[in-house]
Structure formats: structure tokens, C-alpha cells
Amino acid sequence: MSLCLPDRALLVKLFYQNDNSAIVALRKFQTLKELRKGPLTAKNLRLKVTKFEETGSLNVRSGRGKKPVSAEAIEKVTLQVEEDKSSNVLASTSVRRVAEALDLPRETV
């Protein structure tokens, strides 16, 4: 379950109001939001508070993301697919076949 920014702020606030007790903060949050189960574990709440103390922000940092695929690789894949289409009776190909033919990772194709 992903938490919106106001809910993250409320959890951190409850953590500090309850003598830095993650378990009590989570139980109070569950009561306020009428949840049966918490949105995260006590350990994860402590990690979130630690990150908040280090950065001063409750925003979620973006991940690594995907590496950009070069125009050259796109052109190679396009040509290989066209070649496979013309040589194959069924006019179909697979990612695995194209990746092996071009010696590229499947994620790139």
C-alpha cells in the first residue's frame, strides 16, 4: 500500500508524539484511518523516520529508472525484425530470437 504525503506526515507526527514508539504510532494511525492492518511495519516506519531526519523530506525518491536505448540499437532491432518477417513463413519473430541475433540483452529489444 502506497502512502500519500499527508499520511506519511501523520505517521511521522504520531511517531514523535508517542515517545518515538513505532508500534504505538502505527496502532493510532490504524485507529484514525479505520484500517485493520497497518500500511507498513514498525521497522519500515523507523526507517522512514530516519530518512526524514536525514533529508528533512517525506517525498519518495525516484528509482534508478531505465537506461536510454540508443538510436543505433533501435535501428538494428527494426532491421532484424523486418529481416525475420521476410524470411519466416508465419511472419513472426520473438524478442529472444532478435536479441540473440544482435547480441543485445532482451531488455533492450
PDB file of N, CA and C in Angstrom:
ATOM      1  N   MET A   1       0.846  -1.181   0.000  1.00  0.00           N
ATOM      2  CA  MET A   1       0.000   0.000   0.000  1.00  0.00           C
ATOM      3  C   MET A   1       0.884   1.233   0.000  1.00  0.00           C
ATOM      4  N   SER A   2       0.691   2.098  -0.953  1.00  0.00           N
ATOM      5  CA  SER A   2       1.477   3.313  -1.061  1.00  0.00           C
ATOM      6  C   SER A   2       0.802   4.424  -0.255  1.00  0.00           C
ATOM      7  N   LEU A   3       1.596   5.149   0.482  1.00  0.00           N
ATOM      8  CA  LEU A   3       1.061   6.216   1.322  1.00  0.00           C
ATOM      9  C   LEU A   3       1.183   7.560   0.623  1.00  0.00           C
ATOM     10  N   CYS A   4       0.141   8.375   0.731  1.00  0.00           N
ATOM     11  CA  CYS A   4       0.221   9.729   0.190  1.00  0.00           C
ATOM     12  C   CYS A   4       0.995  10.597   1.195  1.00  0.00           C
ATOM     13  N   LEU A   5       1.414  11.752   0.751  1.00  0.00           N
ATOM     14  CA  LEU A   5       2.256  12.627   1.575  1.00  0.00           C
ATOM     15  C   LEU A   5       1.599  13.000   2.912  1.00  0.00           C
ATOM     16  N   PRO A   6       0.312  13.381   2.945  1.00  0.00           N
ATOM     17  CA  PRO A   6      -0.293  13.695   4.256  1.00  0.00           C
ATOM     18  C   PRO A   6      -0.295  12.506   5.225  1.00  0.00           C
ATOM     19  N   ASP A   7      -0.485  11.294   4.703  1.00  0.00           N
ATOM     20  CA  ASP A   7      -0.459  10.114   5.575  1.00  0.00           C
ATOM     21  C   ASP A   7       0.945   9.841   6.101  1.00  0.00           C
ATOM     22  N   ARG A   8       1.958  10.049   5.260  1.00  0.00           N
ATOM     23  CA  ARG A   8       3.342   9.880   5.728  1.00  0.00           C
ATOM     24  C   ARG A   8       3.655  10.893   6.818  1.00  0.00           C
ATOM     25  N   ALA A   9       3.188  12.138   6.610  1.00  0.00           N
ATOM     26  CA  ALA A   9       3.419  13.183   7.611  1.00  0.00           C
ATOM     27  C   ALA A   9       2.709  12.843   8.921  1.00  0.00           C
ATOM     28  N   LEU A  10       1.493  12.330   8.817  1.00  0.00           N
ATOM     29  CA  LEU A  10       0.747  11.949  10.016  1.00  0.00           C
ATOM     30  C   LEU A  10       1.454  10.833  10.774  1.00  0.00           C
ATOM     31  N   LEU A  11       1.972   9.855  10.062  1.00  0.00           N
ATOM     32  CA  LEU A  11       2.696   8.760  10.721  1.00  0.00           C
ATOM     33  C   LEU A  11       3.929   9.270  11.463  1.00  0.00           C
ATOM     34  N   VAL A  12       4.688  10.149  10.829  1.00  0.00           N
ATOM     35  CA  VAL A  12       5.890  10.691  11.479  1.00  0.00           C
ATOM     36  C   VAL A  12       5.493  11.524  12.698  1.00  0.00           C
ATOM     37  N   LYS A  13       4.431  12.305  12.559  1.00  0.00           N
ATOM     38  CA  LYS A  13       3.948  13.115  13.682  1.00  0.00           C
ATOM     39  C   LYS A  13       3.521  12.222  14.847  1.00  0.00           C
ATOM     40  N   LEU A  14       2.770  11.160  14.551  1.00  0.00           N
ATOM     41  CA  LEU A  14       2.346  10.229  15.602  1.00  0.00           C
ATOM     42  C   LEU A  14       3.544   9.541  16.249  1.00  0.00           C
ATOM     43  N   PHE A  15       4.568   9.255  15.466  1.00  0.00           N
ATOM     44  CA  PHE A  15       5.783   8.634  15.994  1.00  0.00           C
ATOM     45  C   PHE A  15       6.405   9.530  17.061  1.00  0.00           C
ATOM     46  N   TYR A  16       6.538  10.828  16.752  1.00  0.00           N
ATOM     47  CA  TYR A  16       7.156  11.750  17.712  1.00  0.00           C
ATOM     48  C   TYR A  16       6.242  12.029  18.905  1.00  0.00           C
ATOM     49  N   GLN A  17       4.937  12.058  18.698  1.00  0.00           N
ATOM     50  CA  GLN A  17       4.001  12.329  19.792  1.00  0.00           C
ATOM     51  C   GLN A  17       3.933  11.184  20.795  1.00  0.00           C
ATOM     52  N   ASN A  18       4.289   9.990  20.371  1.00  0.00           N
ATOM     53  CA  ASN A  18       4.182   8.810  21.231  1.00  0.00           C
ATOM     54  C   ASN A  18       5.547   8.301  21.672  1.00  0.00           C
ATOM     55  N   ASP A  19       6.405   9.208  22.062  1.00  0.00           N
ATOM     56  CA  ASP A  19       7.724   8.883  22.614  1.00  0.00           C
ATOM     57  C   ASP A  19       8.541   7.981  21.695  1.00  0.00           C
ATOM     58  N   ASN A  20       8.526   8.292  20.414  1.00  0.00           N
ATOM     59  CA  ASN A  20       9.306   7.559  19.404  1.00  0.00           C
ATOM     60  C   ASN A  20       8.973   6.070  19.373  1.00  0.00           C
ATOM     61  N   SER A  21       7.722   5.756  19.582  1.00  0.00           N
ATOM     62  CA  SER A  21       7.278   4.362  19.536  1.00  0.00           C
ATOM     63  C   SER A  21       6.582   4.104  18.199  1.00  0.00           C
ATOM     64  N   ALA A  22       7.215   3.287  17.388  1.00  0.00           N
ATOM     65  CA  ALA A  22       6.666   2.989  16.064  1.00  0.00           C
ATOM     66  C   ALA A  22       5.387   2.166  16.176  1.00  0.00           C
ATOM     67  N   ILE A  23       5.354   1.235  17.107  1.00  0.00           N
ATOM     68  CA  ILE A  23       4.184   0.359  17.246  1.00  0.00           C
ATOM     69  C   ILE A  23       2.957   1.159  17.673  1.00  0.00           C
ATOM     70  N   VAL A  24       3.128   2.038  18.656  1.00  0.00           N
ATOM     71  CA  VAL A  24       2.002   2.850  19.119  1.00  0.00           C
ATOM     72  C   VAL A  24       1.549   3.795  18.013  1.00  0.00           C
ATOM     73  N   ALA A  25       2.495   4.378  17.296  1.00  0.00           N
ATOM     74  CA  ALA A  25       2.151   5.287  16.197  1.00  0.00           C
ATOM     75  C   ALA A  25       1.351   4.563  15.122  1.00  0.00           C
ATOM     76  N   LEU A  26       1.757   3.355  14.784  1.00  0.00           N
ATOM     77  CA  LEU A  26       1.034   2.584  13.770  1.00  0.00           C
ATOM     78  C   LEU A  26      -0.368   2.215  14.245  1.00  0.00           C
ATOM     79  N   ARG A  27      -0.506   1.847  15.511  1.00  0.00           N
ATOM     80  CA  ARG A  27      -1.832   1.490  16.034  1.00  0.00           C
ATOM     81  C   ARG A  27      -2.765   2.698  16.036  1.00  0.00           C
ATOM     82  N   LYS A  28      -2.243   3.855  16.412  1.00  0.00           N
ATOM     83  CA  LYS A  28      -3.075   5.065  16.406  1.00  0.00           C
ATOM     84  C   LYS A  28      -3.453   5.445  14.974  1.00  0.00           C
ATOM     85  N   PHE A  29      -2.522   5.282  14.046  1.00  0.00           N
ATOM     86  CA  PHE A  29      -2.805   5.564  12.637  1.00  0.00           C
ATOM     87  C   PHE A  29      -3.908   4.632  12.131  1.00  0.00           C
ATOM     88  N   GLN A  30      -3.813   3.353  12.487  1.00  0.00           N
ATOM     89  CA  GLN A  30      -4.838   2.382  12.079  1.00  0.00           C
ATOM     90  C   GLN A  30      -6.207   2.766  12.647  1.00  0.00           C
ATOM     91  N   THR A  31      -6.221   3.238  13.882  1.00  0.00           N
ATOM     92  CA  THR A  31      -7.478   3.644  14.507  1.00  0.00           C
ATOM     93  C   THR A  31      -8.056   4.867  13.805  1.00  0.00           C
ATOM     94  N   LEU A  32      -7.209   5.856  13.534  1.00  0.00           N
ATOM     95  CA  LEU A  32      -7.679   7.077  12.873  1.00  0.00           C
ATOM     96  C   LEU A  32      -8.202   6.804  11.468  1.00  0.00           C
ATOM     97  N   LYS A  33      -7.528   5.948  10.738  1.00  0.00           N
ATOM     98  CA  LYS A  33      -7.883   5.662   9.344  1.00  0.00           C
ATOM     99  C   LYS A  33      -8.819   4.463   9.208  1.00  0.00           C
ATOM    100  N   GLU A  34      -9.189   3.859  10.342  1.00  0.00           N
ATOM    101  CA  GLU A  34     -10.075   2.692  10.370  1.00  0.00           C
ATOM    102  C   GLU A  34      -9.544   1.555   9.492  1.00  0.00           C
ATOM    103  N   LEU A  35      -8.284   1.210   9.720  1.00  0.00           N
ATOM    104  CA  LEU A  35      -7.634   0.123   8.991  1.00  0.00           C
ATOM    105  C   LEU A  35      -7.485  -1.082   9.900  1.00  0.00           C
ATOM    106  N   ARG A  36      -7.582  -2.258   9.314  1.00  0.00           N
ATOM    107  CA  ARG A  36      -7.362  -3.477  10.098  1.00  0.00           C
ATOM    108  C   ARG A  36      -5.878  -3.792  10.199  1.00  0.00           C
ATOM    109  N   LYS A  37      -5.166  -3.520   9.127  1.00  0.00           N
ATOM    110  CA  LYS A  37      -3.724  -3.773   9.097  1.00  0.00           C
ATOM    111  C   LYS A  37      -3.013  -2.466   8.778  1.00  0.00           C
ATOM    112  N   GLY A  38      -1.799  -2.348   9.283  1.00  0.00           N
ATOM    113  CA  GLY A  38      -1.043  -1.135   9.046  1.00  0.00           C
ATOM    114  C   GLY A  38      -0.526  -1.035   7.624  1.00  0.00           C
ATOM    115  N   PRO A  39      -0.253   0.177   7.179  1.00  0.00           N
ATOM    116  CA  PRO A  39       0.266   0.361   5.830  1.00  0.00           C
ATOM    117  C   PRO A  39       1.724  -0.065   5.709  1.00  0.00           C
ATOM    118  N   LEU A  40       2.419  -0.175   6.837  1.00  0.00           N
ATOM    119  CA  LEU A  40       3.804  -0.632   6.839  1.00  0.00           C
ATOM    120  C   LEU A  40       4.142  -1.198   8.202  1.00  0.00           C
ATOM    121  N   THR A  41       5.308  -1.793   8.301  1.00  0.00           N
ATOM    122  CA  THR A  41       5.720  -2.404   9.564  1.00  0.00           C
ATOM    123  C   THR A  41       6.388  -1.364  10.456  1.00  0.00           C
ATOM    124  N   ALA A  42       6.568  -1.720  11.714  1.00  0.00           N
ATOM    125  CA  ALA A  42       7.223  -0.817  12.657  1.00  0.00           C
ATOM    126  C   ALA A  42       8.653  -0.524  12.209  1.00  0.00           C
ATOM    127  N   LYS A  43       9.324  -1.541  11.700  1.00  0.00           N
ATOM    128  CA  LYS A  43      10.697  -1.350  11.223  1.00  0.00           C
ATOM    129  C   LYS A  43      10.724  -0.356  10.067  1.00  0.00           C
ATOM    130  N   ASN A  44       9.784  -0.497   9.127  1.00  0.00           N
ATOM    131  CA  ASN A  44       9.749   0.418   7.988  1.00  0.00           C
ATOM    132  C   ASN A  44       9.410   1.840   8.415  1.00  0.00           C
ATOM    133  N   LEU A  45       8.564   1.983   9.432  1.00  0.00           N
ATOM    134  CA  LEU A  45       8.263   3.320   9.941  1.00  0.00           C
ATOM    135  C   LEU A  45       9.513   3.941  10.551  1.00  0.00           C
ATOM    136  N   ARG A  46      10.271   3.154  11.316  1.00  0.00           N
ATOM    137  CA  ARG A  46      11.515   3.683  11.894  1.00  0.00           C
ATOM    138  C   ARG A  46      12.487   4.101  10.788  1.00  0.00           C
ATOM    139  N   LEU A  47      12.567   3.307   9.716  1.00  0.00           N
ATOM    140  CA  LEU A  47      13.436   3.671   8.590  1.00  0.00           C
ATOM    141  C   LEU A  47      12.955   4.956   7.922  1.00  0.00           C
ATOM    142  N   LYS A  48      11.643   5.104   7.792  1.00  0.00           N
ATOM    143  CA  LYS A  48      11.079   6.310   7.187  1.00  0.00           C
ATOM    144  C   LYS A  48      11.395   7.537   8.043  1.00  0.00           C
ATOM    145  N   VAL A  49      11.294   7.386   9.359  1.00  0.00           N
ATOM    146  CA  VAL A  49      11.604   8.495  10.266  1.00  0.00           C
ATOM    147  C   VAL A  49      13.091   8.832  10.187  1.00  0.00           C
ATOM    148  N   THR A  50      13.942   7.820  10.126  1.00  0.00           N
ATOM    149  CA  THR A  50      15.386   8.050   9.999  1.00  0.00           C
ATOM    150  C   THR A  50      15.692   8.806   8.719  1.00  0.00           C
ATOM    151  N   LYS A  51      15.055   8.401   7.619  1.00  0.00           N
ATOM    152  CA  LYS A  51      15.256   9.094   6.342  1.00  0.00           C
ATOM    153  C   LYS A  51      14.765  10.535   6.435  1.00  0.00           C
ATOM    154  N   PHE A  52      13.636  10.741   7.137  1.00  0.00           N
ATOM    155  CA  PHE A  52      13.106  12.087   7.323  1.00  0.00           C
ATOM    156  C   PHE A  52      14.082  12.946   8.120  1.00  0.00           C
ATOM    157  N   GLU A  53      14.682  12.371   9.158  1.00  0.00           N
ATOM    158  CA  GLU A  53      15.642  13.128   9.962  1.00  0.00           C
ATOM    159  C   GLU A  53      16.889  13.481   9.162  1.00  0.00           C
ATOM    160  N   GLU A  54      17.301  12.587   8.252  1.00  0.00           N
ATOM    161  CA  GLU A  54      18.497  12.843   7.442  1.00  0.00           C
ATOM    162  C   GLU A  54      18.242  13.857   6.342  1.00  0.00           C
ATOM    163  N   THR A  55      17.104  13.735   5.663  1.00  0.00           N
ATOM    164  CA  THR A  55      16.849  14.568   4.484  1.00  0.00           C
ATOM    165  C   THR A  55      15.927  15.742   4.764  1.00  0.00           C
ATOM    166  N   GLY A  56      15.094  15.634   5.790  1.00  0.00           N
ATOM    167  CA  GLY A  56      14.129  16.683   6.066  1.00  0.00           C
ATOM    168  C   GLY A  56      12.940  16.650   5.119  1.00  0.00           C
ATOM    169  N   SER A  57      12.801  15.567   4.383  1.00  0.00           N
ATOM    170  CA  SER A  57      11.731  15.455   3.398  1.00  0.00           C
ATOM    171  C   SER A  57      11.035  14.106   3.539  1.00  0.00           C
ATOM    172  N   LEU A  58       9.740  14.101   3.234  1.00  0.00           N
ATOM    173  CA  LEU A  58       8.976  12.857   3.252  1.00  0.00           C
ATOM    174  C   LEU A  58       8.688  12.354   1.845  1.00  0.00           C
ATOM    175  N   ASN A  59       9.204  13.046   0.846  1.00  0.00           N
ATOM    176  CA  ASN A  59       8.968  12.646  -0.536  1.00  0.00           C
ATOM    177  C   ASN A  59       9.672  11.337  -0.843  1.00  0.00           C
ATOM    178  N   VAL A  60       9.086  10.585  -1.749  1.00  0.00           N
ATOM    179  CA  VAL A  60       9.673   9.327  -2.185  1.00  0.00           C
ATOM    180  C   VAL A  60      10.666   9.643  -3.290  1.00  0.00           C
ATOM    181  N   ARG A  61      11.893   9.188  -3.108  1.00  0.00           N
ATOM    182  CA  ARG A  61      12.903   9.421  -4.143  1.00  0.00           C
ATOM    183  C   ARG A  61      12.656   8.500  -5.320  1.00  0.00           C
ATOM    184  N   SER A  62      12.903   9.017  -6.492  1.00  0.00           N
ATOM    185  CA  SER A  62      12.687   8.194  -7.676  1.00  0.00           C
ATOM    186  C   SER A  62      13.756   7.115  -7.755  1.00  0.00           C
ATOM    187  N   GLY A  63      13.417   6.036  -8.427  1.00  0.00           N
ATOM    188  CA  GLY A  63      14.340   4.924  -8.576  1.00  0.00           C
ATOM    189  C   GLY A  63      15.383   5.190  -9.642  1.00  0.00           C
ATOM    190  N   ARG A  64      16.092   4.162  -9.991  1.00  0.00           N
ATOM    191  CA  ARG A  64      17.154   4.291 -10.974  1.00  0.00           C
ATOM    192  C   ARG A  64      16.609   4.552 -12.360  1.00  0.00           C
ATOM    193  N   GLY A  65      15.450   4.023 -12.656  1.00  0.00           N
ATOM    194  CA  GLY A  65      14.872   4.220 -13.977  1.00  0.00           C
ATOM    195  C   GLY A  65      15.534   3.336 -15.013  1.00  0.00           C
ATOM    196  N   LYS A  66      15.069   3.441 -16.226  1.00  0.00           N
ATOM    197  CA  LYS A  66      15.617   2.632 -17.302  1.00  0.00           C
ATOM    198  C   LYS A  66      16.699   3.413 -18.027  1.00  0.00           C
ATOM    199  N   LYS A  67      17.687   2.688 -18.518  1.00  0.00           N
ATOM    200  CA  LYS A  67      18.725   3.322 -19.308  1.00  0.00           C
ATOM    201  C   LYS A  67      18.148   3.629 -20.685  1.00  0.00           C
ATOM    202  N   PRO A  68      18.515   4.757 -21.269  1.00  0.00           N
ATOM    203  CA  PRO A  68      18.004   5.070 -22.600  1.00  0.00           C
ATOM    204  C   PRO A  68      18.584   4.119 -23.646  1.00  0.00           C
ATOM    205  N   VAL A  69      17.771   3.793 -24.640  1.00  0.00           N
ATOM    206  CA  VAL A  69      18.203   2.916 -25.725  1.00  0.00           C
ATOM    207  C   VAL A  69      18.666   3.805 -26.871  1.00  0.00           C
ATOM    208  N   SER A  70      19.845   3.506 -27.389  1.00  0.00           N
ATOM    209  CA  SER A  70      20.405   4.345 -28.447  1.00  0.00           C
ATOM    210  C   SER A  70      19.612   4.194 -29.736  1.00  0.00           C
ATOM    211  N   ALA A  71      19.689   5.219 -30.575  1.00  0.00           N
ATOM    212  CA  ALA A  71      19.014   5.194 -31.875  1.00  0.00           C
ATOM    213  C   ALA A  71      19.593   4.084 -32.748  1.00  0.00           C
ATOM    214  N   GLU A  72      20.879   3.825 -32.579  1.00  0.00           N
ATOM    215  CA  GLU A  72      21.541   2.763 -33.348  1.00  0.00           C
ATOM    216  C   GLU A  72      20.936   1.396 -33.004  1.00  0.00           C
ATOM    217  N   ALA A  73      20.718   1.147 -31.721  1.00  0.00           N
ATOM    218  CA  ALA A  73      20.130  -0.129 -31.301  1.00  0.00           C
ATOM    219  C   ALA A  73      18.702  -0.259 -31.820  1.00  0.00           C
ATOM    220  N   ILE A  74      17.958   0.826 -31.806  1.00  0.00           N
ATOM    221  CA  ILE A  74      16.585   0.803 -32.316  1.00  0.00           C
ATOM    222  C   ILE A  74      16.578   0.456 -33.796  1.00  0.00           C
ATOM    223  N   GLU A  75      17.489   1.056 -34.536  1.00  0.00           N
ATOM    224  CA  GLU A  75      17.570   0.784 -35.977  1.00  0.00           C
ATOM    225  C   GLU A  75      17.960  -0.674 -36.238  1.00  0.00           C
ATOM    226  N   LYS A  76      18.921  -1.192 -35.467  1.00  0.00           N
ATOM    227  CA  LYS A  76      19.340  -2.588 -35.634  1.00  0.00           C
ATOM    228  C   LYS A  76      18.172  -3.540 -35.380  1.00  0.00           C
ATOM    229  N   VAL A  77      17.425  -3.279 -34.325  1.00  0.00           N
ATOM    230  CA  VAL A  77      16.295  -4.137 -33.979  1.00  0.00           C
ATOM    231  C   VAL A  77      15.232  -4.072 -35.075  1.00  0.00           C
ATOM    232  N   THR A  78      14.955  -2.876 -35.566  1.00  0.00           N
ATOM    233  CA  THR A  78      13.963  -2.720 -36.631  1.00  0.00           C
ATOM    234  C   THR A  78      14.358  -3.509 -37.864  1.00  0.00           C
ATOM    235  N   LEU A  79      15.615  -3.398 -38.265  1.00  0.00           N
ATOM    236  CA  LEU A  79      16.087  -4.124 -39.443  1.00  0.00           C
ATOM    237  C   LEU A  79      16.023  -5.633 -39.226  1.00  0.00           C
ATOM    238  N   GLN A  80      16.387  -6.089 -38.037  1.00  0.00           N
ATOM    239  CA  GLN A  80      16.364  -7.523 -37.743  1.00  0.00           C
ATOM    240  C   GLN A  80      14.937  -8.065 -37.775  1.00  0.00           C
ATOM    241  N   VAL A  81      13.992  -7.308 -37.236  1.00  0.00           N
ATOM    242  CA  VAL A  81      12.596  -7.746 -37.235  1.00  0.00           C
ATOM    243  C   VAL A  81      12.075  -7.826 -38.665  1.00  0.00           C
ATOM    244  N   GLU A  82      12.398  -6.825 -39.479  1.00  0.00           N
ATOM    245  CA  GLU A  82      11.974  -6.848 -40.885  1.00  0.00           C
ATOM    246  C   GLU A  82      12.583  -8.040 -41.620  1.00  0.00           C
ATOM    247  N   GLU A  83      13.849  -8.322 -41.338  1.00  0.00           N
ATOM    248  CA  GLU A  83      14.523  -9.460 -41.969  1.00  0.00           C
ATOM    249  C   GLU A  83      13.873 -10.775 -41.548  1.00  0.00           C
ATOM    250  N   ASP A  84      13.561 -10.898 -40.255  1.00  0.00           N
ATOM    251  CA  ASP A  84      12.909 -12.113 -39.762  1.00  0.00           C
ATOM    252  C   ASP A  84      11.519 -12.278 -40.378  1.00  0.00           C
ATOM    253  N   LYS A  85      10.811 -11.174 -40.548  1.00  0.00           N
ATOM    254  CA  LYS A  85       9.484 -11.227 -41.152  1.00  0.00           C
ATOM    255  C   LYS A  85       9.540 -11.760 -42.574  1.00  0.00           C
ATOM    256  N   SER A  86      10.505 -11.258 -43.340  1.00  0.00           N
ATOM    257  CA  SER A  86      10.583 -11.651 -44.746  1.00  0.00           C
ATOM    258  C   SER A  86      11.046 -13.096 -44.911  1.00  0.00           C
ATOM    259  N   SER A  87      11.875 -13.582 -44.003  1.00  0.00           N
ATOM    260  CA  SER A  87      12.387 -14.946 -44.139  1.00  0.00           C
ATOM    261  C   SER A  87      11.490 -15.993 -43.484  1.00  0.00           C
ATOM    262  N   ASN A  88      10.581 -15.577 -42.628  1.00  0.00           N
ATOM    263  CA  ASN A  88       9.732 -16.501 -41.889  1.00  0.00           C
ATOM    264  C   ASN A  88       8.364 -16.603 -42.559  1.00  0.00           C
ATOM    265  N   VAL A  89       7.885 -17.807 -42.742  1.00  0.00           N
ATOM    266  CA  VAL A  89       6.590 -18.034 -43.389  1.00  0.00           C
ATOM    267  C   VAL A  89       5.450 -17.470 -42.539  1.00  0.00           C
ATOM    268  N   LEU A  90       5.557 -17.587 -41.228  1.00  0.00           N
ATOM    269  CA  LEU A  90       4.497 -17.116 -40.343  1.00  0.00           C
ATOM    270  C   LEU A  90       4.559 -15.610 -40.101  1.00  0.00           C
ATOM    271  N   ALA A  91       5.606 -14.969 -40.579  1.00  0.00           N
ATOM    272  CA  ALA A  91       5.808 -13.527 -40.417  1.00  0.00           C
ATOM    273  C   ALA A  91       5.797 -13.119 -38.946  1.00  0.00           C
ATOM    274  N   SER A  92       6.434 -13.917 -38.106  1.00  0.00           N
ATOM    275  CA  SER A  92       6.525 -13.578 -36.689  1.00  0.00           C
ATOM    276  C   SER A  92       7.953 -13.807 -36.215  1.00  0.00           C
ATOM    277  N   THR A  93       8.284 -13.170 -35.131  1.00  0.00           N
ATOM    278  CA  THR A  93       9.596 -13.335 -34.523  1.00  0.00           C
ATOM    279  C   THR A  93       9.434 -13.191 -33.017  1.00  0.00           C
ATOM    280  N   SER A  94      10.496 -13.420 -32.288  1.00  0.00           N
ATOM    281  CA  SER A  94      10.425 -13.289 -30.835  1.00  0.00           C
ATOM    282  C   SER A  94      11.534 -12.362 -30.359  1.00  0.00           C
ATOM    283  N   VAL A  95      11.340 -11.840 -29.179  1.00  0.00           N
ATOM    284  CA  VAL A  95      12.342 -10.966 -28.575  1.00  0.00           C
ATOM    285  C   VAL A  95      13.635 -11.739 -28.368  1.00  0.00           C
ATOM    286  N   ARG A  96      13.509 -12.979 -27.904  1.00  0.00           N
ATOM    287  CA  ARG A  96      14.693 -13.799 -27.660  1.00  0.00           C
ATOM    288  C   ARG A  96      15.492 -13.998 -28.949  1.00  0.00           C
ATOM    289  N   ARG A  97      14.814 -14.303 -30.048  1.00  0.00           N
ATOM    290  CA  ARG A  97      15.493 -14.544 -31.318  1.00  0.00           C
ATOM    291  C   ARG A  97      16.220 -13.280 -31.802  1.00  0.00           C
ATOM    292  N   VAL A  98      15.558 -12.147 -31.716  1.00  0.00           N
ATOM    293  CA  VAL A  98      16.175 -10.888 -32.152  1.00  0.00           C
ATOM    294  C   VAL A  98      17.357 -10.544 -31.254  1.00  0.00           C
ATOM    295  N   ALA A  99      17.205 -10.708 -29.947  1.00  0.00           N
ATOM    296  CA  ALA A  99      18.284 -10.388 -29.008  1.00  0.00           C
ATOM    297  C   ALA A  99      19.502 -11.264 -29.255  1.00  0.00           C
ATOM    298  N   GLU A 100      19.286 -12.550 -29.518  1.00  0.00           N
ATOM    299  CA  GLU A 100      20.411 -13.448 -29.792  1.00  0.00           C
ATOM    300  C   GLU A 100      21.087 -13.096 -31.110  1.00  0.00           C
ATOM    301  N   ALA A 101      20.302 -12.756 -32.120  1.00  0.00           N
ATOM    302  CA  ALA A 101      20.873 -12.431 -33.428  1.00  0.00           C
ATOM    303  C   ALA A 101      21.720 -11.165 -33.378  1.00  0.00           C
ATOM    304  N   LEU A 102      21.308 -10.204 -32.564  1.00  0.00           N
ATOM    305  CA  LEU A 102      22.019  -8.923 -32.486  1.00  0.00           C
ATOM    306  C   LEU A 102      23.002  -8.860 -31.328  1.00  0.00           C
ATOM    307  N   ASP A 103      23.041  -9.889 -30.502  1.00  0.00           N
ATOM    308  CA  ASP A 103      23.904  -9.925 -29.321  1.00  0.00           C
ATOM    309  C   ASP A 103      23.608  -8.735 -28.397  1.00  0.00           C
ATOM    310  N   LEU A 104      22.312  -8.525 -28.154  1.00  0.00           N
ATOM    311  CA  LEU A 104      21.850  -7.473 -27.248  1.00  0.00           C
ATOM    312  C   LEU A 104      21.066  -8.122 -26.109  1.00  0.00           C
ATOM    313  N   PRO A 105      20.993  -7.472 -24.955  1.00  0.00           N
ATOM    314  CA  PRO A 105      20.154  -8.010 -23.885  1.00  0.00           C
ATOM    315  C   PRO A 105      18.675  -7.942 -24.284  1.00  0.00           C
ATOM    316  N   ARG A 106      17.883  -8.880 -23.793  1.00  0.00           N
ATOM    317  CA  ARG A 106      16.456  -8.896 -24.139  1.00  0.00           C
ATOM    318  C   ARG A 106      15.753  -7.623 -23.683  1.00  0.00           C
ATOM    319  N   GLU A 107      16.204  -7.029 -22.602  1.00  0.00           N
ATOM    320  CA  GLU A 107      15.575  -5.814 -22.092  1.00  0.00           C
ATOM    321  C   GLU A 107      15.710  -4.659 -23.080  1.00  0.00           C
ATOM    322  N   THR A 108      16.771  -4.673 -23.875  1.00  0.00           N
ATOM    323  CA  THR A 108      16.993  -3.612 -24.856  1.00  0.00           C
ATOM    324  C   THR A 108      16.067  -3.777 -26.049  1.00  0.00           C
ATOM    325  N   VAL A 109      15.805  -5.042 -26.408  1.00  0.00           N
ATOM    326  CA  VAL A 109      14.970  -5.318 -27.574  1.00  0.00           C
ATOM    327  C   VAL A 109      13.539  -5.063 -27.185  1.00  0.00           C
TER     328      VAL A 109
END
